[in-house]
Each structure stands twice: as C-alpha cells, then as structure tokens.
Amino acid sequence: MFFTRLISQLGLCLVVLATALLTACGGGSSGNPSNPYDPPILALHHDQIAFPGQKFEIRITGGTGSYRLLETYPPTVISFSDVNFDGDKIAVIPNAVEAETVVTIRIRDQNNGVFGETSFTVRPSYLSNFIWVSPFPNAPESCSSSGVTDNVSTEGYASICVGARGTAQIALRTNEGGLGNRDVRFEWVSGEYYFDPSDVGSNGRRITTRTDSRGYATVEIQTRANVPAHKATIRAVEVATNNWVQTDFWIATETFRVFPTDISITTTADHCYSSTSAIVSLFGGTPPYTYVPTSYISATPSTIAVSGGTTVLATTPGWCLEKTVQFRDATGATANVSFSYSASGSSEPEPEPEEPPAFTAAAPWAGATVSCANGSSYQVVATGGVPPYKFAVSGLPVAMTPPLNSYATMSGSTGTFTFNAPGNPGDIYTVSVIDSALSEKVFSLTCQ
C-alpha cells in the first residue's frame, strides 16, 4: 500500500513537472503567436537620429534579399510611400514632427520568410531644405559655366563669378513663422571659395551666425580668382539639432569681352590711320590677356594682367582697310576689336577738325545696393570725349581710396575706388566721372 501511494505521487509530480517545462519553453498553447517577428532575424543598422524631409538610410544584413515592408509606426511620421528599398539598403524620408518621436519599421525577406524590426528617433528640425546662393548685386551680368567637366547640366544652379563675392542664406521656420536668434553653422564642402568673415582658426572654411527676426541666417562667401569654372558645394548646420542641408552652386567665369568693340576713324586717304590710337578695356575670362599681333596695329602693353585692365591700340600709316584685332585670355577664349575708317577727301584743303566721340561712362553697379565692407572695390569705365579721365566719390564720411571728394586721374579708361572702412547700411555714395572737356557722367550706389 505504501509503495502504491509513493508511485502515484511520483507520477503526479512528473506530470506537473512536464507541464511546467512545456510552458516555460513556449510549447503547447501557452506560446505567443501574436508576435510573428519574435525573435527578429534580419539585422538593421543605422544612426539613432533622423530629421523630417531628410533621407535616412538603414542597412540590412541577413536574409537573401527581395525585402518587403510590413509595418511602420506611427504611420503619420513614416508612411509606406516614404520607404524605398535599394538592394540591402532602405531609404526613409520622415514627415514633420512636433516633438521627438520614436518610430518603428518591420520588414520581411520574401525569399525565406525571416523578419527584421528596428526603431529610431525622428527629431524636429526647422531648416529649409535648400541653401540660397546668389551673387552680390554689382556682379557681372554675364557669367559662363563653360569648362565645367562634371557632365552635369548647370541649369537650376546659382552662379557666382570667379573672384567675386556672394551670399549664402538658409531659413529656420515653423508653421507659425521664422525662428530668430538660432545658431546656424555654414561649412565649406568643396570648391574654390571661402567664408569672409569666418570663424577663428577655420581658415575660411566655417562661419557660425544667428538667424534674424525672420528666421534667416545669411553669410558672405568669396570665390577665388583665376580658377576655371567648376561646381562647388556648401553646407548649413542647425547647431541645436546637428541637422544639416547642403546645396551645389557654380563658380563661373565672367564672359571674356573687350570694350569698346568697334573703333571708327575718319581720315584723308593719304593720311590713312596716321598717329591714330584708342584705349580699350578687357574684362572677364581668365587673365592674363594677350594681344594677337597683326600688321599696322600695335598694343601697349601687349599683355594685360587683370580684369578691367587697359591697353592702347595704335595704328601706323599706310593701312586704309577695315581690320579686326584679337585678344586671348589664358584659356584661349577670344575677344575682337574692329577698326573701320571713312575718307573725308583729299588732303587739299585739310579737313576741318573732327569732333571727338561722345563722352560715355559705364558702371555695372550703378543704382544697386552693394556691400560697403572694408576692402570692397568698384570700377567705372570711360570712353570717348577728351582723355584723360578723372573721377571722384562723394558721400558720408568714410575712409576710402582715393579720398572722398577728391578727383583722381583714371588709369587709362578705368577708375577704381575702395572702401578702407565699412560704410553704414543705407548710406549713398555718388561717383562723378569727367573727361578733359569737363563732360560729366554721374552714378550712385547704396550700402547694404
């Protein structure tokens, strides 16, 4: 009897123990069939922080490929249309969030049915998705991106001329408006440009600024001189979130040109082109510029070192035909000047003296709002009338070369004035250009 009870109790214990083991191992009906992804087999690798509107990449390891999205949560932040597969990578573009939000995605390998799941945080960001790059208002009207070797269309990209200044601007905005007084760091990525001014010790490759009351952060950039046209890249970083946006733009060469392009001379047949000369100015392209020698016409100097430089074209007696002379820049681009003449009759009697060509002057920056920062320089070009030419700048007191209210003789047909101290926003400066007959042309600019 004792042994019968002992065997019965031992059997009961074995049944209880087996049931407990089965439950503990997940067997029988006590398992968790509601979670088919447990445990996940596909491994998903990524950063922990993503930002709205910015591509976020997840790398997949495991499985055999041909993956399919099963679920995103919450779907208002990551929808099915926001997820794209590319081989073993997933590209996700989150929607806007008001606060930090943890999101989850689940995928499946369609070839063998294994699953993967991961979560990451979408952090609010207020950066616009584009940096506006633009030249200063006094920039040359024509810049060319010819010579760019990236085999990419230049359409849709901003251009700043080689050796010129421009601005880069980005906005921090919410649905309620701009976010002022927020730190934004602009960074050099590639290309021949630098920030001016820039952060100390950054060698011109970084500048930190703050947004204005409208939410805009703006900095100045300077492109390097004497470089070929090429594509450049700039980045803006929202310091508080470390989110960033970068944009491409073109550093372009100003179209090579000469001014004036046509020179007309009236003379008698037996004094063809005797003692005749004309001043021409060369701009753009890639200096230095070289005169291509031709008979009966010389250029002094024959090499012009900088954009805006001048040379004197002089003819010798004995040539009475129309003629075209040529200049080349350092890349081989050409610009032409055409000489033409008309005979006024025989040398008996001598013709009446000719009136000089009408006095004209040009200033690409005229009427514009431009930078009056220390070191900013602007040019005026004069032609016709009676050389030599002079010019003077007048306005509110500021250190300038040449000094304010003092006429300076122009170098050939070009005059250059430089701010040696910053002008104040809204200050207006007037530039008077005169020839030796006191004909006058007046231009003005406004400091930004």
Protein backbone atom coordinates (compact mmCIF):
# COMPACT_ATOMS: atom_id res chain seq x y z
CA MET A 1 0.00 0.00 0.00
CA PHE A 2 2.83 2.37 0.93
CA PHE A 3 4.60 1.66 -2.37
CA THR A 4 1.36 2.19 -4.34
CA ARG A 5 0.89 5.68 -2.85
CA LEU A 6 4.55 6.54 -3.45
CA ILE A 7 4.37 5.57 -7.12
CA SER A 8 1.12 7.55 -7.56
CA GLN A 9 2.64 10.67 -6.04
CA LEU A 10 5.78 10.34 -8.15
CA GLY A 11 3.68 10.08 -11.31
CA LEU A 12 1.72 13.22 -10.38
CA CYS A 13 4.93 15.12 -9.82
CA LEU A 14 6.26 14.07 -13.21
CA VAL A 15 3.07 15.29 -14.90
CA VAL A 16 3.29 18.67 -13.11
CA LEU A 17 7.00 18.97 -13.94
CA ALA A 18 6.45 18.17 -17.62
CA THR A 19 3.65 20.72 -17.85
CA ALA A 20 5.84 23.38 -16.25
CA LEU A 21 8.73 22.65 -18.59
CA LEU A 22 6.46 22.78 -21.62
CA THR A 23 5.08 26.15 -20.54
CA ALA A 24 8.49 27.56 -19.78
CA CYS A 25 9.80 26.55 -23.20
CA GLY A 26 6.91 28.19 -25.02
CA GLY A 27 5.34 24.91 -26.08
CA GLY A 28 1.69 23.98 -26.23
CA SER A 29 -0.92 26.68 -26.34
CA SER A 30 0.82 29.00 -23.90
CA GLY A 31 3.19 30.48 -26.58
CA ASN A 32 2.90 33.99 -28.09
CA PRO A 33 1.70 33.53 -31.69
CA SER A 34 0.56 37.19 -31.81
CA ASN A 35 4.19 38.32 -32.40
CA PRO A 36 5.50 36.51 -35.51
CA TYR A 37 8.60 38.81 -35.52
CA ASP A 38 9.97 37.47 -32.23
CA PRO A 39 12.86 36.99 -32.36
CA PRO A 40 13.91 39.19 -35.35
CA ILE A 41 16.46 37.51 -37.61
CA LEU A 42 17.34 40.33 -40.07
CA ALA A 43 19.78 42.85 -38.56
CA LEU A 44 19.15 46.55 -39.32
CA HIS A 45 21.96 49.13 -38.89
CA HIS A 46 21.53 52.91 -38.79
CA ASP A 47 22.09 56.12 -36.85
CA GLN A 48 19.80 56.83 -33.94
CA ILE A 49 18.52 60.24 -35.04
CA ALA A 50 16.62 61.18 -38.20
CA PHE A 51 15.13 64.51 -39.32
CA PRO A 52 11.97 65.41 -41.26
CA GLY A 53 12.45 65.77 -45.00
CA GLN A 54 15.99 64.34 -44.91
CA LYS A 55 16.89 60.92 -46.29
CA PHE A 56 17.67 58.40 -43.52
CA GLU A 57 19.46 55.21 -44.54
CA ILE A 58 19.14 51.77 -42.93
CA ARG A 59 21.44 48.90 -43.93
CA ILE A 60 20.19 45.29 -43.83
CA THR A 61 22.31 42.24 -43.04
CA GLY A 62 20.97 38.71 -43.15
CA GLY A 63 18.39 37.08 -45.38
CA THR A 64 18.75 36.66 -49.12
CA GLY A 65 17.28 39.91 -50.41
CA SER A 66 13.97 40.91 -52.02
CA TYR A 67 12.73 42.57 -48.85
CA ARG A 68 9.19 43.79 -48.22
CA LEU A 69 7.88 46.41 -45.80
CA LEU A 70 5.35 45.00 -43.31
CA GLU A 71 4.60 47.85 -40.95
CA THR A 72 5.54 51.43 -39.98
CA TYR A 73 4.57 53.06 -36.71
CA PRO A 74 3.36 55.69 -36.25
CA PRO A 75 2.21 55.85 -39.89
CA THR A 76 1.81 59.66 -39.74
CA VAL A 77 5.59 60.01 -39.41
CA ILE A 78 6.72 57.14 -41.68
CA SER A 79 4.20 56.01 -44.30
CA PHE A 80 4.69 53.20 -46.81
CA SER A 81 5.29 55.78 -49.57
CA ASP A 82 8.17 57.25 -47.52
CA VAL A 83 10.18 53.98 -47.61
CA ASN A 84 12.24 52.76 -50.60
CA PHE A 85 14.37 49.61 -50.89
CA ASP A 86 17.65 49.59 -52.84
CA GLY A 87 19.36 46.22 -52.56
CA ASP A 88 20.46 45.85 -48.93
CA LYS A 89 19.56 49.46 -48.05
CA ILE A 90 16.34 51.16 -47.00
CA ALA A 91 15.91 54.90 -47.67
CA VAL A 92 13.40 56.56 -45.36
CA ILE A 93 12.21 60.18 -45.51
CA PRO A 94 10.29 61.06 -42.30
CA ASN A 95 7.44 63.54 -42.20
CA ALA A 96 7.34 66.57 -39.88
CA VAL A 97 7.06 66.02 -36.12
CA GLU A 98 6.25 68.49 -33.34
CA ALA A 99 8.44 66.70 -30.78
CA GLU A 100 10.96 63.87 -30.69
CA THR A 101 9.14 60.73 -31.85
CA VAL A 102 10.28 57.11 -31.76
CA VAL A 103 9.30 55.30 -34.96
CA THR A 104 9.42 51.61 -35.79
CA ILE A 105 9.59 49.75 -39.09
CA ARG A 106 9.29 45.99 -39.69
CA ILE A 107 10.41 44.19 -42.83
CA ARG A 108 10.43 40.65 -44.19
CA ASP A 109 12.73 38.73 -46.51
CA GLN A 110 10.33 37.33 -49.10
CA ASN A 111 12.68 34.51 -50.12
CA ASN A 112 12.83 32.71 -46.78
CA GLY A 113 10.28 34.48 -44.60
CA VAL A 114 12.61 35.89 -41.92
CA PHE A 115 11.75 39.16 -40.26
CA GLY A 116 13.52 42.31 -39.01
CA GLU A 117 12.46 45.21 -36.82
CA THR A 118 14.15 48.42 -35.69
CA SER A 119 13.36 51.76 -34.07
CA PHE A 120 14.93 55.22 -34.28
CA THR A 121 14.09 58.76 -33.21
CA VAL A 122 12.80 61.50 -35.51
CA ARG A 123 13.80 64.86 -34.08
CA PRO A 124 12.07 68.14 -35.08
CA SER A 125 14.05 70.32 -37.48
CA TYR A 126 13.26 73.73 -38.86
CA LEU A 127 15.88 74.04 -41.60
CA SER A 128 14.64 74.75 -45.09
CA ASN A 129 15.73 72.02 -47.49
CA PHE A 130 17.78 74.35 -49.71
CA ILE A 131 20.52 76.98 -49.32
CA TRP A 132 20.04 80.07 -51.47
CA VAL A 133 23.36 81.09 -53.03
CA SER A 134 23.43 84.35 -55.00
CA PRO A 135 25.98 86.89 -56.31
CA PHE A 136 26.23 90.43 -54.98
CA PRO A 137 24.01 92.95 -56.84
CA ASN A 138 27.05 94.52 -58.53
CA ALA A 139 28.14 91.18 -60.03
CA PRO A 140 28.86 91.00 -63.78
CA GLU A 141 25.77 90.46 -65.89
CA SER A 142 27.25 87.52 -67.76
CA CYS A 143 28.99 84.56 -66.16
CA SER A 144 29.65 81.34 -68.04
CA SER A 145 29.89 77.82 -66.61
CA SER A 146 31.54 76.60 -69.81
CA GLY A 147 34.54 74.49 -68.98
CA VAL A 148 32.78 72.64 -66.17
CA THR A 149 33.76 68.98 -66.55
CA ASP A 150 31.19 67.38 -64.25
CA ASN A 151 28.97 66.47 -67.24
CA VAL A 152 26.03 67.84 -65.25
CA SER A 153 23.60 70.46 -66.52
CA THR A 154 24.20 73.89 -65.00
CA GLU A 155 20.54 74.83 -65.20
CA GLY A 156 18.87 75.43 -61.85
CA TYR A 157 22.13 76.22 -60.05
CA ALA A 158 23.12 79.66 -58.84
CA SER A 159 26.35 81.09 -60.23
CA ILE A 160 28.97 83.33 -58.67
CA CYS A 161 31.75 84.62 -60.88
CA VAL A 162 35.36 83.69 -60.30
CA GLY A 163 36.98 86.24 -57.98
CA ALA A 164 33.61 87.71 -56.92
CA ARG A 165 31.56 87.88 -53.72
CA GLY A 166 28.15 86.44 -52.98
CA THR A 167 25.83 85.37 -50.17
CA ALA A 168 24.52 82.08 -48.81
CA GLN A 169 21.22 82.06 -46.94
CA ILE A 170 19.02 79.47 -45.25
CA ALA A 171 15.78 79.75 -43.28
CA LEU A 172 14.63 78.22 -39.98
CA ARG A 173 10.84 78.25 -39.97
CA THR A 174 7.83 76.63 -38.33
CA ASN A 175 4.18 76.83 -39.33
CA GLU A 176 3.95 79.94 -37.17
CA GLY A 177 6.84 81.76 -38.85
CA GLY A 178 10.60 82.20 -38.71
CA LEU A 179 12.77 81.20 -35.75
CA GLY A 180 15.04 84.08 -34.76
CA ASN A 181 18.20 84.04 -32.65
CA ARG A 182 19.10 80.41 -33.55
CA ASP A 183 22.69 79.36 -34.25
CA VAL A 184 23.48 78.12 -37.77
CA ARG A 185 26.94 76.99 -38.89
CA PHE A 186 27.88 77.22 -42.57
CA GLU A 187 30.61 74.83 -43.71
CA TRP A 188 32.80 74.56 -46.80
CA VAL A 189 32.36 71.19 -48.55
CA SER A 190 34.07 71.61 -51.93
CA GLY A 191 35.08 74.25 -54.46
CA GLU A 192 37.34 77.30 -54.70
CA TYR A 193 35.61 79.66 -52.25
CA TYR A 194 35.85 80.69 -48.61
CA PHE A 195 33.75 82.46 -45.99
CA ASP A 196 34.62 86.10 -45.32
CA PRO A 197 34.43 86.74 -42.42
CA SER A 198 34.88 83.26 -40.93
CA ASP A 199 35.27 81.55 -37.55
CA VAL A 200 38.67 81.99 -35.94
CA GLY A 201 41.03 79.17 -36.88
CA SER A 202 38.75 77.78 -39.60
CA ASN A 203 40.92 79.01 -42.48
CA GLY A 204 37.82 80.42 -44.15
CA ARG A 205 36.01 77.08 -44.18
CA ARG A 206 33.45 77.70 -41.42
CA ILE A 207 31.32 80.54 -40.09
CA THR A 208 28.73 80.43 -37.31
CA THR A 209 25.96 83.01 -37.34
CA ARG A 210 22.45 83.52 -35.95
CA THR A 211 19.09 83.85 -37.63
CA ASP A 212 17.47 87.26 -37.80
CA SER A 213 13.97 88.03 -36.58
CA ARG A 214 12.51 86.50 -39.76
CA GLY A 215 14.41 83.23 -39.29
CA TYR A 216 17.06 83.79 -41.98
CA ALA A 217 20.77 83.09 -41.49
CA THR A 218 22.99 84.83 -44.07
CA VAL A 219 26.77 84.78 -44.63
CA GLU A 220 29.14 86.13 -47.28
CA ILE A 221 31.36 83.99 -49.48
CA GLN A 222 34.30 84.95 -51.68
CA THR A 223 35.30 82.89 -54.72
CA ARG A 224 38.97 82.59 -55.58
CA ALA A 225 40.37 84.40 -58.61
CA ASN A 226 41.96 82.84 -61.69
CA VAL A 227 40.36 79.39 -61.38
CA PRO A 228 38.38 77.53 -64.07
CA ALA A 229 34.61 77.19 -63.90
CA HIS A 230 33.50 74.35 -61.61
CA LYS A 231 30.78 73.09 -59.30
CA ALA A 232 31.01 73.85 -55.57
CA THR A 233 29.08 72.61 -52.53
CA ILE A 234 28.12 74.40 -49.31
CA ARG A 235 26.52 73.03 -46.10
CA ALA A 236 24.39 74.64 -43.37
CA VAL A 237 24.07 73.00 -39.93
CA GLU A 238 21.40 73.80 -37.35
CA VAL A 239 23.61 73.80 -34.24
CA ALA A 240 20.89 72.85 -31.74
CA THR A 241 19.92 69.64 -33.55
CA ASN A 242 23.04 68.97 -35.67
CA ASN A 243 20.77 68.57 -38.69
CA TRP A 244 22.29 69.79 -41.94
CA VAL A 245 21.44 70.64 -45.54
CA GLN A 246 23.88 71.08 -48.42
CA THR A 247 23.48 72.66 -51.84
CA ASP A 248 25.54 72.81 -55.04
CA PHE A 249 26.30 76.03 -56.92
CA TRP A 250 28.55 77.07 -59.81
CA ILE A 251 31.71 79.11 -59.58
CA ALA A 252 31.64 80.52 -63.10
CA THR A 253 33.90 82.63 -65.27
CA GLU A 254 32.71 86.04 -66.43
CA THR A 255 32.41 86.03 -70.21
CA PHE A 256 35.62 87.37 -71.79
CA ARG A 257 34.91 90.68 -73.51
CA VAL A 258 36.56 93.88 -74.67
CA PHE A 259 35.18 97.45 -74.60
CA PRO A 260 34.69 99.15 -76.98
CA THR A 261 34.32 96.50 -79.67
CA ASP A 262 34.19 98.91 -82.63
CA ILE A 263 36.52 101.82 -83.37
CA SER A 264 35.67 104.08 -86.30
CA ILE A 265 38.19 106.57 -87.69
CA THR A 266 37.64 109.31 -90.23
CA THR A 267 40.73 110.49 -92.11
CA THR A 268 42.03 111.55 -95.51
CA ALA A 269 43.19 108.91 -97.98
CA ASP A 270 46.83 109.98 -97.82
CA HIS A 271 46.91 110.01 -94.05
CA CYS A 272 45.48 106.55 -93.51
CA TYR A 273 45.43 105.82 -89.82
CA SER A 274 48.39 108.09 -89.18
CA SER A 275 49.05 108.68 -85.48
CA THR A 276 45.73 107.13 -84.50
CA SER A 277 45.23 105.39 -81.16
CA ALA A 278 42.39 104.16 -78.97
CA ILE A 279 42.13 102.83 -75.41
CA VAL A 280 40.32 99.53 -74.87
CA SER A 281 39.47 97.70 -71.63
CA LEU A 282 39.32 93.92 -71.14
CA PHE A 283 37.09 92.07 -68.68
CA GLY A 284 36.19 88.55 -67.55
CA GLY A 285 37.54 85.27 -68.82
CA THR A 286 40.78 84.12 -67.21
CA PRO A 287 43.59 86.69 -67.06
CA PRO A 288 46.21 87.44 -68.19
CA TYR A 289 45.08 88.63 -71.61
CA THR A 290 47.38 88.69 -74.64
CA TYR A 291 47.20 90.77 -77.81
CA VAL A 292 47.47 88.72 -81.01
CA PRO A 293 49.97 90.65 -83.19
CA THR A 294 48.75 91.97 -86.53
CA SER A 295 50.25 94.25 -89.16
CA TYR A 296 49.95 98.06 -88.86
CA ILE A 297 48.34 97.93 -85.39
CA SER A 298 50.18 97.60 -82.08
CA ALA A 299 49.01 97.21 -78.47
CA THR A 300 50.81 98.77 -75.49
CA PRO A 301 51.03 96.85 -73.24
CA SER A 302 50.58 93.65 -75.24
CA THR A 303 49.80 91.64 -72.08
CA ILE A 304 47.10 92.83 -69.67
CA ALA A 305 47.38 91.21 -66.23
CA VAL A 306 43.96 91.73 -64.63
CA SER A 307 40.29 92.05 -65.48
CA GLY A 308 39.47 95.72 -66.02
CA GLY A 309 42.95 96.44 -67.33
CA THR A 310 43.51 98.61 -70.39
CA THR A 311 45.78 98.80 -73.42
CA VAL A 312 46.37 101.39 -76.14
CA LEU A 313 45.82 100.26 -79.72
CA ALA A 314 47.87 102.39 -82.15
CA THR A 315 47.91 102.31 -85.95
CA THR A 316 50.78 103.11 -88.32
CA PRO A 317 50.47 104.97 -91.66
CA GLY A 318 49.71 103.12 -94.85
CA TRP A 319 46.78 100.88 -93.95
CA CYS A 320 43.35 102.00 -95.14
CA LEU A 321 41.30 98.83 -94.93
CA GLU A 322 38.93 97.63 -92.26
CA LYS A 323 40.74 95.43 -89.81
CA THR A 324 39.94 93.24 -86.81
CA VAL A 325 42.38 92.71 -83.98
CA GLN A 326 42.12 89.95 -81.42
CA PHE A 327 42.87 89.35 -77.75
CA ARG A 328 43.08 85.96 -76.00
CA ASP A 329 42.70 85.04 -72.35
CA ALA A 330 44.66 82.34 -70.54
CA THR A 331 42.21 79.63 -71.65
CA GLY A 332 42.33 80.61 -75.35
CA ALA A 333 38.97 82.40 -75.39
CA THR A 334 38.99 85.36 -77.80
CA ALA A 335 37.53 88.88 -77.96
CA ASN A 336 37.77 91.14 -81.00
CA VAL A 337 38.02 94.85 -81.75
CA SER A 338 37.06 96.08 -85.23
CA PHE A 339 38.71 99.09 -86.85
CA SER A 340 36.91 100.87 -89.69
CA TYR A 341 37.58 104.14 -91.48
CA SER A 342 35.98 106.59 -93.86
CA ALA A 343 37.91 109.02 -96.06
CA SER A 344 36.94 112.68 -95.86
CA GLY A 345 38.52 113.59 -99.24
CA SER A 346 41.97 114.63 -100.45
CA SER A 347 44.48 116.36 -98.25
CA GLU A 348 43.92 119.66 -100.15
CA PRO A 349 42.48 121.51 -98.34
CA GLU A 350 42.88 119.99 -94.88
CA PRO A 351 39.58 118.81 -93.45
CA GLU A 352 38.03 120.56 -90.52
CA PRO A 353 39.00 119.02 -87.18
CA GLU A 354 36.73 116.22 -86.19
CA GLU A 355 34.61 116.43 -83.07
CA PRO A 356 35.75 113.84 -80.54
CA PRO A 357 33.44 110.87 -80.00
CA ALA A 358 30.71 111.44 -77.46
CA PHE A 359 31.85 111.01 -73.87
CA THR A 360 30.36 107.94 -72.22
CA ALA A 361 30.94 106.06 -68.97
CA ALA A 362 29.72 102.77 -67.56
CA ALA A 363 29.38 101.37 -64.02
CA PRO A 364 27.92 97.84 -63.64
CA TRP A 365 26.94 98.59 -60.03
CA ALA A 366 25.09 101.84 -60.79
CA GLY A 367 21.84 102.20 -58.86
CA ALA A 368 22.38 98.92 -56.97
CA THR A 369 22.56 98.12 -53.26
CA VAL A 370 26.03 96.68 -52.73
CA SER A 371 28.48 95.71 -50.00
CA CYS A 372 30.40 98.60 -48.47
CA ALA A 373 32.52 96.31 -46.31
CA ASN A 374 36.15 97.16 -45.68
CA GLY A 375 38.08 96.26 -48.84
CA SER A 376 35.10 96.38 -51.22
CA SER A 377 36.21 97.79 -54.61
CA TYR A 378 34.22 99.06 -57.61
CA GLN A 379 35.16 100.28 -61.07
CA VAL A 380 33.98 102.86 -63.59
CA VAL A 381 34.96 102.82 -67.28
CA ALA A 382 35.04 105.91 -69.52
CA THR A 383 35.31 106.16 -73.32
CA GLY A 384 35.07 108.86 -75.96
CA GLY A 385 35.24 112.55 -75.17
CA VAL A 386 38.66 114.01 -74.47
CA PRO A 387 41.01 111.83 -72.38
CA PRO A 388 42.46 111.69 -69.81
CA TYR A 389 39.54 111.00 -67.50
CA LYS A 390 39.06 111.73 -63.80
CA PHE A 391 36.59 110.56 -61.18
CA ALA A 392 35.60 111.45 -57.61
CA VAL A 393 33.43 109.81 -54.94
CA SER A 394 31.26 111.86 -52.57
CA GLY A 395 29.02 110.91 -49.67
CA LEU A 396 29.00 110.43 -45.89
CA PRO A 397 32.47 110.39 -44.30
CA VAL A 398 34.30 107.07 -44.67
CA ALA A 399 37.92 106.09 -45.27
CA MET A 400 38.31 105.46 -49.00
CA THR A 401 40.94 105.24 -51.75
CA PRO A 402 41.05 107.71 -53.44
CA PRO A 403 39.86 110.05 -50.64
CA LEU A 404 36.27 111.31 -50.76
CA ASN A 405 35.55 114.49 -52.73
CA SER A 406 38.92 114.41 -54.48
CA TYR A 407 39.22 113.92 -58.23
CA ALA A 408 41.71 111.22 -59.22
CA THR A 409 43.08 110.55 -62.70
CA MET A 410 41.86 107.23 -64.09
CA SER A 411 44.24 104.53 -65.26
CA GLY A 412 43.55 104.66 -68.98
CA SER A 413 39.79 104.34 -69.18
CA THR A 414 39.27 102.63 -65.79
CA GLY A 415 38.90 104.11 -62.31
CA THR A 416 38.76 102.02 -59.13
CA PHE A 417 37.65 103.13 -55.67
CA THR A 418 37.97 101.05 -52.49
CA PHE A 419 36.30 101.25 -49.07
CA ASN A 420 39.03 101.29 -46.39
CA ALA A 421 36.40 101.17 -43.64
CA PRO A 422 32.85 99.84 -43.69
CA GLY A 423 30.04 102.09 -44.83
CA ASN A 424 26.73 102.05 -42.95
CA PRO A 425 23.64 100.31 -44.38
CA GLY A 426 21.60 102.80 -46.37
CA ASP A 427 24.49 105.22 -46.97
CA ILE A 428 24.52 106.56 -50.54
CA TYR A 429 27.70 107.39 -52.44
CA THR A 430 27.84 109.35 -55.72
CA VAL A 431 30.57 108.88 -58.32
CA SER A 432 31.32 111.67 -60.83
CA VAL A 433 33.32 110.82 -63.98
CA ILE A 434 34.63 113.66 -66.19
CA ASP A 435 36.80 113.98 -69.30
CA SER A 436 39.26 116.78 -70.03
CA ALA A 437 36.48 118.81 -71.67
CA LEU A 438 34.60 118.59 -68.35
CA SER A 439 31.80 116.45 -69.73
CA GLU A 440 30.36 114.57 -66.77
CA LYS A 441 28.59 111.28 -66.02
CA VAL A 442 27.21 110.59 -62.52
CA PHE A 443 26.40 107.25 -60.87
CA SER A 444 25.34 106.23 -57.37
CA LEU A 445 25.31 103.17 -55.12
CA THR A 446 23.66 102.32 -51.79
CA CYS A 447 25.37 100.37 -48.99
CA GLN A 448 23.58 97.18 -47.98
